[in-house]
Protein backbone atom coordinates (compact mmCIF):
# COMPACT_ATOMS: atom_id res chain seq x y z
CA MET A 1 41.55 43.58 22.82
CA THR A 2 42.20 45.32 19.51
CA HIS A 3 44.99 47.86 19.11
CA ASN A 4 44.94 50.91 16.89
CA PHE A 5 47.95 51.53 14.68
CA ILE A 6 49.35 54.07 12.27
CA LEU A 7 51.33 53.44 9.08
CA SER A 8 54.40 54.95 7.50
CA PRO A 9 54.67 55.31 3.70
CA PHE A 10 55.26 52.10 1.77
CA GLU A 11 58.56 51.25 0.12
CA PHE A 12 58.90 49.02 -2.92
CA PHE A 13 61.77 46.80 -4.05
CA VAL A 14 62.08 44.31 -6.87
CA LEU A 15 64.05 41.16 -7.62
CA HIS A 16 64.17 39.76 -11.14
CA THR A 17 63.57 36.00 -11.11
CA ARG A 18 63.72 33.34 -13.78
CA THR A 19 62.14 29.91 -13.59
CA ARG A 20 64.18 26.74 -14.01
CA PHE A 21 62.04 25.89 -17.04
CA PRO A 22 58.78 27.32 -18.41
CA PHE A 23 55.62 26.82 -16.36
CA ARG A 24 52.69 26.64 -18.76
CA TYR A 25 49.25 27.27 -17.32
CA GLY A 26 46.17 28.48 -19.17
CA ILE A 27 47.16 30.88 -21.95
CA ALA A 28 50.57 31.80 -20.47
CA SER A 29 54.01 30.33 -19.98
CA MET A 30 55.90 31.77 -17.04
CA THR A 31 59.66 32.23 -17.37
CA ASP A 32 60.73 35.74 -16.26
CA VAL A 33 58.80 37.13 -13.32
CA PRO A 34 59.39 40.27 -11.25
CA HIS A 35 59.21 39.58 -7.51
CA LEU A 36 57.91 42.67 -5.74
CA PHE A 37 58.55 43.49 -2.06
CA LEU A 38 56.40 45.90 -0.04
CA ARG A 39 57.59 47.35 3.26
CA THR A 40 55.96 49.72 5.70
CA ARG A 41 56.43 50.64 9.34
CA VAL A 42 53.55 49.89 11.72
CA ALA A 43 53.33 51.79 15.00
CA VAL A 44 51.22 50.95 18.07
CA ALA A 45 51.31 53.01 21.27
CA GLY A 46 54.68 54.53 20.49
CA GLU A 47 56.38 51.28 19.46
CA SER A 48 56.96 50.35 15.83
CA SER A 49 58.18 47.58 13.56
CA PHE A 50 58.69 47.04 9.89
CA GLY A 51 56.09 44.90 8.14
CA LEU A 52 57.23 43.13 4.98
CA THR A 53 55.60 41.04 2.28
CA ALA A 54 56.25 39.98 -1.31
CA GLU A 55 54.55 38.60 -4.40
CA GLY A 56 55.59 37.43 -7.82
CA LEU A 57 53.69 39.17 -10.60
CA PRO A 58 52.89 36.40 -13.11
CA PRO A 59 51.41 36.87 -16.57
CA LYS A 60 47.75 36.30 -17.39
CA TRP A 61 46.33 35.22 -14.06
CA PHE A 62 44.84 38.35 -12.48
CA THR A 63 43.54 39.30 -15.90
CA LYS A 64 43.20 36.81 -18.72
CA ASN A 65 43.25 39.00 -21.80
CA PRO A 66 44.97 37.27 -24.74
CA ASN A 67 45.16 40.56 -26.63
CA THR A 68 47.71 42.22 -24.34
CA THR A 69 51.37 41.50 -23.68
CA PHE A 70 52.96 40.99 -20.28
CA GLU A 71 54.75 44.33 -20.77
CA GLN A 72 51.35 45.96 -21.11
CA ASP A 73 49.87 44.09 -18.14
CA LEU A 74 52.67 44.96 -15.71
CA PRO A 75 51.95 48.69 -15.47
CA GLU A 76 48.33 47.88 -14.66
CA MET A 77 49.43 45.58 -11.82
CA LEU A 78 51.72 48.29 -10.47
CA GLN A 79 48.98 50.87 -10.74
CA VAL A 80 46.60 48.71 -8.69
CA ILE A 81 49.22 48.03 -6.02
CA ARG A 82 50.25 51.66 -5.81
CA HIS A 83 46.66 52.79 -5.50
CA ALA A 84 46.06 50.39 -2.61
CA THR A 85 49.17 51.58 -0.74
CA THR A 86 48.23 55.24 -1.31
CA LEU A 87 44.81 54.56 0.20
CA ALA A 88 46.40 52.63 3.06
CA GLU A 89 48.69 55.54 3.88
CA GLN A 90 45.69 57.89 3.96
CA ILE A 91 43.56 55.59 6.13
CA GLY A 92 46.48 54.65 8.39
CA ASN A 93 47.58 58.23 8.93
CA ASN A 94 45.42 58.31 12.09
CA PRO A 95 45.11 55.51 14.66
CA VAL A 96 42.80 52.80 13.36
CA SER A 97 41.97 49.17 14.21
CA PHE A 98 42.92 46.50 11.71
CA PHE A 99 39.42 45.47 10.67
CA ASP A 100 38.22 49.04 10.27
CA PHE A 101 41.36 49.78 8.27
CA TRP A 102 40.79 46.77 6.02
CA ARG A 103 37.10 47.48 5.52
CA GLU A 104 37.73 51.06 4.40
CA LEU A 105 40.70 50.07 2.24
CA TYR A 106 38.68 47.37 0.51
CA ARG A 107 35.68 49.64 -0.03
CA ARG A 108 37.70 52.44 -1.59
CA GLN A 109 39.95 50.18 -3.68
CA MET A 110 37.06 48.25 -5.20
CA ALA A 111 35.05 51.40 -5.92
CA TRP A 112 38.06 52.88 -7.72
CA ALA A 113 38.67 49.67 -9.66
CA LYS A 114 35.04 49.55 -10.77
CA SER A 115 35.22 53.16 -11.99
CA CYS A 116 38.30 52.22 -14.02
CA SER A 117 36.86 48.92 -15.33
CA LEU A 118 39.64 46.97 -13.61
CA ALA A 119 39.12 43.31 -12.72
CA PRO A 120 38.14 42.74 -9.05
CA LEU A 121 40.71 39.94 -8.81
CA LEU A 122 43.45 42.37 -9.79
CA ALA A 123 42.15 45.07 -7.46
CA SER A 124 42.20 42.55 -4.60
CA LEU A 125 45.90 41.95 -5.16
CA GLY A 126 46.62 45.50 -4.00
CA VAL A 127 44.47 45.07 -0.90
CA SER A 128 46.08 41.72 -0.11
CA LEU A 129 49.64 43.01 -0.30
CA VAL A 130 48.75 45.83 2.08
CA GLU A 131 47.03 43.38 4.45
CA ARG A 132 50.06 41.14 4.56
CA ALA A 133 52.60 43.89 5.18
CA VAL A 134 50.48 45.41 7.96
CA LEU A 135 49.82 42.02 9.56
CA ASP A 136 53.53 41.21 9.50
CA GLY A 137 54.23 44.43 11.38
CA LEU A 138 51.40 43.89 13.88
CA CYS A 139 52.49 40.31 14.59
CA ARG A 140 56.07 41.47 15.19
CA LEU A 141 54.92 44.23 17.54
CA ALA A 142 52.72 41.81 19.47
CA ALA A 143 55.47 39.14 19.45
CA GLU A 144 52.70 36.71 18.56
CA PRO A 145 52.08 34.47 15.54
CA LEU A 146 49.24 35.24 13.17
CA HIS A 147 46.97 32.42 14.34
CA ARG A 148 46.90 33.83 17.88
CA LEU A 149 45.89 37.28 16.68
CA ILE A 150 43.13 35.70 14.58
CA THR A 151 41.75 33.13 17.02
CA THR A 152 41.67 35.66 19.88
CA ASN A 153 40.23 38.18 17.39
CA ARG A 154 42.61 40.91 18.43
CA LEU A 155 42.20 42.21 14.88
CA GLY A 156 38.53 42.90 15.58
CA ILE A 157 37.17 40.96 12.59
CA ARG A 158 33.38 41.22 12.38
CA LEU A 159 32.23 38.38 10.14
CA ARG A 160 28.68 39.70 9.90
CA GLU A 161 29.94 42.76 8.00
CA ILE A 162 31.46 40.48 5.34
CA ASP A 163 28.69 37.89 5.03
CA ALA A 164 25.49 37.82 7.05
CA GLU A 165 25.30 34.02 7.30
CA PRO A 166 27.83 33.52 10.17
CA GLY A 167 25.97 36.14 12.21
CA ASP A 168 27.77 37.29 15.35
CA ALA A 169 30.18 34.35 15.36
CA GLN A 170 33.88 34.93 15.92
CA PRO A 171 36.59 33.45 13.66
CA ALA A 172 37.56 31.08 16.49
CA ASP A 173 34.06 29.56 16.37
CA TYR A 174 34.84 28.05 12.96
CA LEU A 175 38.62 27.94 12.54
CA PRO A 176 40.72 25.07 13.95
CA ALA A 177 41.69 25.50 17.59
CA ALA A 178 45.35 25.09 16.68
CA PRO A 179 47.24 25.46 13.41
CA LEU A 180 48.20 22.35 11.47
CA GLN A 181 51.68 21.03 12.13
CA THR A 182 52.09 19.51 8.65
CA CYS A 183 50.46 19.70 5.26
CA PHE A 184 50.73 17.55 2.15
CA VAL A 185 52.29 19.12 -0.92
CA ARG A 186 49.96 18.93 -3.92
CA HIS A 187 52.37 18.92 -6.83
CA THR A 188 51.44 20.94 -9.91
CA ILE A 189 51.64 19.19 -13.28
CA GLY A 190 51.72 22.01 -15.80
CA LEU A 191 50.53 21.70 -19.37
CA GLY A 192 54.07 21.38 -20.69
CA ASP A 193 55.75 19.59 -17.78
CA PRO A 194 57.65 16.38 -18.59
CA LEU A 195 56.23 13.29 -16.92
CA ALA A 196 59.36 11.14 -17.07
CA PRO A 197 63.09 11.74 -17.61
CA GLY A 198 62.85 10.57 -21.21
CA ASP A 199 60.35 13.33 -21.98
CA ILE A 200 62.96 16.06 -21.50
CA PRO A 201 64.82 17.04 -24.69
CA THR A 202 68.56 17.07 -24.19
CA ASN A 203 68.77 20.81 -24.84
CA GLU A 204 66.10 21.52 -22.19
CA ARG A 205 67.63 19.62 -19.28
CA VAL A 206 68.45 21.93 -16.39
CA ASP A 207 70.72 19.59 -14.35
CA ASP A 208 70.69 21.95 -11.37
CA GLY A 209 70.41 19.45 -8.53
CA LEU A 210 66.61 19.33 -8.34
CA PRO A 211 64.15 16.97 -10.07
CA GLN A 212 62.70 18.26 -13.31
CA ASP A 213 60.13 15.64 -14.37
CA LEU A 214 57.16 14.25 -12.45
CA GLU A 215 58.53 10.74 -11.96
CA SER A 216 61.76 12.04 -10.44
CA SER A 217 59.83 14.47 -8.24
CA ILE A 218 57.69 11.68 -6.81
CA ARG A 219 60.78 9.65 -5.99
CA ALA A 220 62.64 12.62 -4.49
CA TYR A 221 59.81 14.00 -2.36
CA GLY A 222 57.46 11.06 -1.72
CA LEU A 223 54.55 12.91 -3.34
CA ARG A 224 50.98 11.63 -3.00
CA TYR A 225 48.85 14.64 -3.96
CA PHE A 226 48.81 16.21 -7.43
CA LYS A 227 47.15 19.00 -9.38
CA VAL A 228 46.69 18.44 -13.10
CA LYS A 229 46.25 21.32 -15.53
CA LEU A 230 43.77 20.71 -18.36
CA SER A 231 44.07 22.29 -21.79
CA GLY A 232 40.39 21.88 -22.69
CA VAL A 233 41.33 19.97 -25.86
CA ALA A 234 39.78 16.60 -25.16
CA GLU A 235 41.97 14.25 -27.20
CA HIS A 236 45.17 15.91 -25.97
CA ASP A 237 44.00 15.83 -22.35
CA PHE A 238 42.80 12.21 -22.54
CA SER A 239 46.14 11.04 -23.93
CA ARG A 240 48.09 12.90 -21.25
CA LEU A 241 45.76 11.75 -18.46
CA LEU A 242 46.12 8.13 -19.56
CA GLU A 243 49.90 8.38 -19.45
CA LEU A 244 49.65 10.12 -16.11
CA ALA A 245 47.36 7.43 -14.70
CA HIS A 246 49.88 4.69 -15.48
CA LEU A 247 52.76 6.70 -14.00
CA LEU A 248 50.98 7.64 -10.77
CA GLU A 249 49.71 4.11 -10.21
CA ARG A 250 53.22 2.73 -10.70
CA GLU A 251 55.16 5.31 -8.69
CA THR A 252 52.77 5.58 -5.73
CA ALA A 253 51.49 1.99 -5.64
CA GLY A 254 48.02 3.43 -6.14
CA ASN A 255 48.26 5.69 -3.08
CA PHE A 256 47.51 9.10 -4.61
CA PHE A 257 44.88 11.81 -4.94
CA LEU A 258 44.52 14.64 -7.40
CA THR A 259 42.62 17.76 -8.33
CA LEU A 260 41.90 18.92 -11.88
CA ASP A 261 42.36 22.55 -12.88
CA GLY A 262 40.24 23.53 -15.86
CA ASN A 263 42.20 26.79 -16.29
CA GLU A 264 39.01 28.48 -17.61
CA ASN A 265 39.55 26.51 -20.83
CA PHE A 266 35.97 25.30 -21.33
CA ALA A 267 33.49 27.64 -22.99
CA THR A 268 30.48 26.43 -20.98
CA PHE A 269 29.61 23.90 -18.31
CA GLU A 270 27.78 21.89 -20.97
CA ALA A 271 31.15 21.57 -22.76
CA PHE A 272 32.89 20.56 -19.54
CA ARG A 273 30.16 18.06 -18.72
CA GLU A 274 30.64 16.43 -22.11
CA PHE A 275 34.42 16.28 -21.46
CA TRP A 276 33.88 14.78 -18.01
CA GLN A 277 31.47 12.09 -19.21
CA ARG A 278 33.70 11.17 -22.13
CA ALA A 279 36.68 10.90 -19.79
CA GLN A 280 34.77 8.57 -17.48
CA SER A 281 34.24 6.18 -20.39
CA GLN A 282 37.89 6.21 -21.50
CA ALA A 283 39.60 2.88 -20.98
CA GLY A 284 42.37 3.15 -18.41
CA LEU A 285 41.13 6.33 -16.68
CA GLY A 286 38.78 4.72 -14.17
CA GLY A 287 41.35 4.46 -11.36
CA LEU A 288 42.49 8.03 -11.89
CA TRP A 289 38.92 9.35 -11.96
CA ARG A 290 38.06 7.71 -8.62
CA ARG A 291 40.89 9.65 -6.97
CA ILE A 292 39.82 13.12 -8.13
CA LEU A 293 38.99 15.25 -5.08
CA VAL A 294 37.77 18.43 -6.75
CA VAL A 295 37.64 20.25 -10.09
CA GLU A 296 38.78 23.86 -10.14
CA GLN A 297 37.49 26.66 -12.40
CA PRO A 298 36.53 24.82 -15.61
CA VAL A 299 34.87 27.84 -17.29
CA HIS A 300 36.02 31.40 -17.86
CA ARG A 301 35.48 33.91 -15.08
CA THR A 302 33.17 35.97 -17.32
CA VAL A 303 30.53 33.21 -17.31
CA ALA A 304 31.42 31.23 -14.18
CA LEU A 305 28.92 33.06 -11.94
CA SER A 306 26.19 33.61 -14.52
CA ASP A 307 22.58 32.45 -14.34
CA SER A 308 23.26 30.12 -17.29
CA THR A 309 25.96 28.40 -15.25
CA GLY A 310 23.52 27.87 -12.41
CA ALA A 311 21.06 26.27 -14.83
CA ALA A 312 23.77 24.01 -16.22
CA LEU A 313 24.82 22.88 -12.75
CA ARG A 314 21.26 22.18 -11.65
CA ALA A 315 20.83 20.05 -14.77
CA TRP A 316 23.88 17.98 -13.75
CA PRO A 317 22.95 16.40 -10.41
CA ASP A 318 25.82 13.89 -10.35
CA ARG A 319 28.48 16.50 -11.12
CA PRO A 320 31.87 16.30 -9.38
CA PRO A 321 32.74 18.77 -6.61
CA LEU A 322 33.43 22.06 -8.41
CA ILE A 323 35.13 25.14 -6.98
CA ILE A 324 35.85 28.63 -8.23
CA ASP A 325 39.31 30.16 -8.24
CA GLU A 326 39.87 33.07 -10.64
CA SER A 327 36.15 33.86 -10.41
CA GLU A 328 36.43 34.82 -6.77
CA GLY A 329 37.64 38.38 -7.11
CA ALA A 330 35.33 40.19 -4.69
CA LEU A 331 33.36 39.73 -1.50
CA GLY A 332 30.11 37.95 -2.23
CA ASP A 333 31.49 35.86 -5.08
CA LEU A 334 31.71 32.74 -2.93
CA ALA A 335 28.12 33.12 -1.68
CA ARG A 336 27.00 33.55 -5.29
CA ALA A 337 28.94 30.45 -6.36
CA LEU A 338 27.42 28.34 -3.59
CA GLU A 339 23.95 29.52 -4.61
CA LEU A 340 24.64 28.42 -8.20
CA GLY A 341 25.78 24.94 -7.19
CA TYR A 342 29.54 25.12 -6.70
CA ALA A 343 31.01 23.30 -3.72
CA GLY A 344 33.42 26.03 -2.56
CA THR A 345 36.46 28.06 -3.48
CA SER A 346 40.24 28.22 -3.19
CA HIS A 347 42.41 30.21 -0.84
CA LYS A 348 45.38 32.14 -2.15
CA ASN A 349 46.89 34.98 -0.15
CA CYS A 350 46.86 37.16 -3.26
CA LYS A 351 43.04 37.06 -3.21
CA GLY A 352 42.87 38.52 0.30
CA ILE A 353 43.59 37.62 3.92
CA VAL A 354 40.42 38.83 5.65
CA LYS A 355 38.35 37.55 2.73
CA GLY A 356 40.05 34.15 3.03
CA ILE A 357 39.27 33.96 6.75
CA ALA A 358 35.64 34.91 6.13
CA ASN A 359 35.38 32.30 3.36
CA ALA A 360 36.82 29.62 5.62
CA CYS A 361 34.29 30.46 8.35
CA LEU A 362 31.36 30.44 5.93
CA LEU A 363 32.36 27.07 4.48
CA ALA A 364 33.02 25.58 7.94
CA LYS A 365 29.54 26.67 9.04
CA ARG A 366 28.05 24.89 6.04
CA ARG A 367 30.00 21.71 6.84
CA HIS A 368 28.79 21.83 10.46
CA GLU A 369 25.26 21.95 9.09
CA GLY A 370 25.84 18.92 6.87
CA ARG A 371 26.14 20.92 3.65
CA CYS A 372 29.03 20.95 1.21
CA GLY A 373 31.76 23.47 1.85
CA ILE A 374 35.17 22.90 0.26
CA LEU A 375 38.15 25.20 0.74
CA THR A 376 41.31 24.23 -1.10
CA GLY A 377 44.78 25.74 -0.89
CA GLU A 378 46.21 26.83 -4.23
CA ASP A 379 49.47 28.42 -5.32
CA LEU A 380 50.45 31.35 -7.51
CA CYS A 381 53.97 29.91 -7.86
CA ASN A 382 54.76 31.24 -4.39
CA LEU A 383 58.44 31.81 -3.86
CA GLY A 384 60.03 31.61 -0.43
CA PRO A 385 60.83 32.86 1.99
CA LEU A 386 58.27 35.66 2.37
CA ALA A 387 55.34 34.91 0.05
CA LEU A 388 55.57 31.16 0.57
CA LEU A 389 55.86 31.14 4.36
CA GLN A 390 53.14 33.75 4.82
CA ASP A 391 50.94 31.62 2.59
CA LEU A 392 51.73 28.48 4.59
CA ALA A 393 50.91 30.30 7.83
CA MET A 394 47.46 31.06 6.42
CA MET A 395 46.90 27.52 5.12
CA SER A 396 47.85 26.15 8.54
CA LEU A 397 45.53 28.61 10.30
CA LEU A 398 42.63 27.68 7.99
CA GLY A 399 43.23 23.94 8.46
CA ILE A 400 43.90 23.11 4.79
CA GLU A 401 45.58 19.70 4.83
CA HIS A 402 46.90 19.46 1.27
CA VAL A 403 48.12 22.56 -0.54
CA GLU A 404 49.18 23.11 -4.12
CA ARG A 405 52.86 24.10 -4.03
CA ASN A 406 54.81 24.77 -7.21
CA GLY A 407 57.34 27.50 -6.47
CA HIS A 408 59.90 24.95 -5.26
CA HIS A 409 59.52 23.06 -8.55
CA TYR A 410 59.78 25.96 -10.98
CA TYR A 411 62.48 27.82 -9.04
CA ARG A 412 65.83 26.59 -7.76
CA GLY A 413 65.14 26.93 -4.07
CA LEU A 414 66.27 30.25 -2.60
CA SER A 415 69.30 30.46 -4.88
CA MET A 416 68.20 33.85 -6.27
CA PHE A 417 68.40 35.45 -2.82
CA PRO A 418 71.57 36.73 -1.10
CA PRO A 419 73.55 34.21 0.99
CA ASP A 420 72.69 36.02 4.23
CA TRP A 421 68.97 35.66 3.47
CA GLN A 422 69.39 31.95 2.81
CA LYS A 423 71.39 31.43 6.02
CA ALA A 424 68.87 33.35 8.13
CA VAL A 425 65.94 31.38 6.73
CA LEU A 426 67.70 28.06 7.20
CA ALA A 427 68.62 28.90 10.80
CA ALA A 428 65.06 29.92 11.69
CA HIS A 429 63.14 27.41 9.57
CA GLY A 430 65.22 24.24 9.55
CA ASP A 431 62.04 22.14 9.52
CA LEU A 432 60.98 23.72 6.20
CA TYR A 433 64.33 24.26 4.48
CA ALA A 434 67.57 22.36 3.98
CA CYS A 435 70.93 23.13 2.41
CA HIS A 436 71.53 21.38 -0.89
CA ASP A 437 74.83 19.66 -1.71
CA GLN A 438 75.31 22.38 -4.33
CA ASP A 439 75.23 25.03 -1.59
CA PHE A 440 71.80 26.63 -1.93
CA VAL A 441 68.83 26.46 0.42
CA HIS A 442 65.74 24.65 -0.82
CA LEU A 443 62.33 23.54 0.44
CA LYS A 444 62.39 20.32 2.47
CA ILE A 445 59.63 17.93 1.40
CA GLN A 446 59.65 14.56 3.17
CA ASP A 447 57.06 11.81 2.70
CA GLY A 448 55.14 14.28 0.56
CA LYS A 449 54.74 16.72 3.47
CA LEU A 450 55.95 20.06 4.76
CA ARG A 451 56.60 20.59 8.47
CA LEU A 452 54.95 23.84 9.58
CA GLY A 453 56.09 24.18 13.18
CA SER A 454 58.52 27.06 12.67
CA ALA A 455 56.09 28.96 10.43
CA ASN A 456 53.36 28.58 13.05
CA VAL A 457 55.41 30.22 15.83
CA ALA A 458 56.90 32.95 13.62
CA PRO A 459 55.14 36.37 13.53
CA PHE A 460 53.45 35.95 10.13
CA GLY A 461 55.09 32.75 8.99
CA VAL A 462 58.59 34.25 8.70
CA GLN A 463 60.86 34.56 11.74
CA PRO A 464 63.75 36.74 10.53
CA LEU A 465 62.96 40.32 9.55
CA LEU A 466 64.70 40.28 6.18
CA ASP A 467 66.07 43.48 4.68
CA ALA A 468 64.42 43.99 1.30
CA SER A 469 66.53 47.08 0.64
CA ALA A 470 69.14 44.61 -0.61
CA PHE A 471 67.16 44.75 -3.87
CA ALA A 472 66.58 47.57 -6.32
CA PRO A 473 64.05 50.21 -5.29
CA GLN A 474 61.01 50.08 -7.56
CA PRO A 475 59.52 53.42 -8.55
CA MET A 476 55.75 53.13 -8.50
CA PRO A 477 53.37 55.17 -10.66
CA ALA A 478 51.74 58.20 -9.09
CA ILE A 479 47.97 57.93 -8.69
CA PRO A 480 45.85 61.05 -9.28
CA GLU A 481 42.91 61.99 -7.08
CA ARG A 482 40.44 60.67 -9.63
CA GLY A 483 40.65 58.39 -12.62
CA CYS A 484 43.24 55.85 -13.66
CA VAL A 485 46.86 56.21 -14.57
CA VAL A 486 47.85 55.75 -18.19
CA LEU A 487 51.55 54.98 -18.58
CA ASP A 488 53.09 56.01 -21.88
CA GLN A 489 55.95 53.53 -21.53
CA PRO A 490 55.63 50.12 -19.88
CA GLN A 491 57.75 49.66 -16.78
CA ARG A 492 59.96 46.61 -17.04
CA LEU A 493 60.69 46.14 -13.33
CA GLY A 494 64.34 45.53 -14.01
CA MET A 495 63.69 42.83 -16.59
CA GLU A 496 65.99 44.09 -19.36
């Protein structure tokens, strides 16, 4: 049975965060990132609860324009988020079911973004943040975890209205009967990350109680799954991959798997095919190549779903499993990718919750029919406890067994949060977090795995209702009835 709800206005708060060391991916290096919190109150039948979510706003992922600065990109991100919450407040002003609410929010947000020439991936961020905050509130009101609301379809999700292929099926027809109890951590190896202790210049050592290089991380966490970022410069990548192959073979006794992330760094699939075939012939890379599970987003999003890409993929019958990531900004992008010859897509909460569920059902249907359908779990440097645990709750629900996690590596646990937040998270999620000898709470990775039990029984991954008003209120730009906001001065989100 679905329940109608109404929404209160959204509140916004911000926490300035700084990475332990730069995370280089694609054309950006992440160091200073605003962490934005959204809070609303959800009411059902006279009872109400806060719903809370959060997201870091990283440079050059939602849009990959090398001609703008992060200070120029931030106002656009805020504009998109504010527009989505303004729409949500309008739609949720009268009682509405979750799926009807989402469908109307998505329709209006994407129409507005198209009229403003905003990237669908960026527009989806606004929708996703609203989805997560509302779902958190609904789960708390129902006193039920997310997977129960989804598998019993109390949110009223109608898959046919997202993609015709699943027909009248319910999410429970394709999703796992129970959430996963553990998942493997797939460790990100950024373009500038040191592979061994000797690779770290003395003046760049952090010495903060957590491993900094890959070798030390494997020994500390028992890692077996890895994600390798490619630069697209063949000789540089081959040299680094060769060094990586020796290290992984040595440190894991050959027991490892990896994915490659092309970071949109190849101009065409013909260029990537040439890279792939050259790599296969490189001495010393054979063992590494046999352990590659999937290749993510080799070409830029502007050409990834083009007819020319389809022709290139059809001309490469023995291609590796290829998935889209940044290219999946809107509904229908996955179906288009599968038609062209891709094997699937990634799930990230920032791309959408309902969309992620629909994608998982579509790909599961294809697998049941003996066709290829890959869904991976990827990370936008998710930082606990909110963004990370809500993301893990989704990965568990969707049955994704190994998930890229990198927030724990580029941030020093939960040390940037107040002590009472850290204590509350540790008390409620002792299977996922531990207290470090240096007195901060950090993610607990054992034998390369995360234990998901406490996230699975929590409302939407997070048990305590944390008070985001501990952080600075973030003024959001006003959105006019029509057209897009132009900000004369970039908003720094407390980054001075």
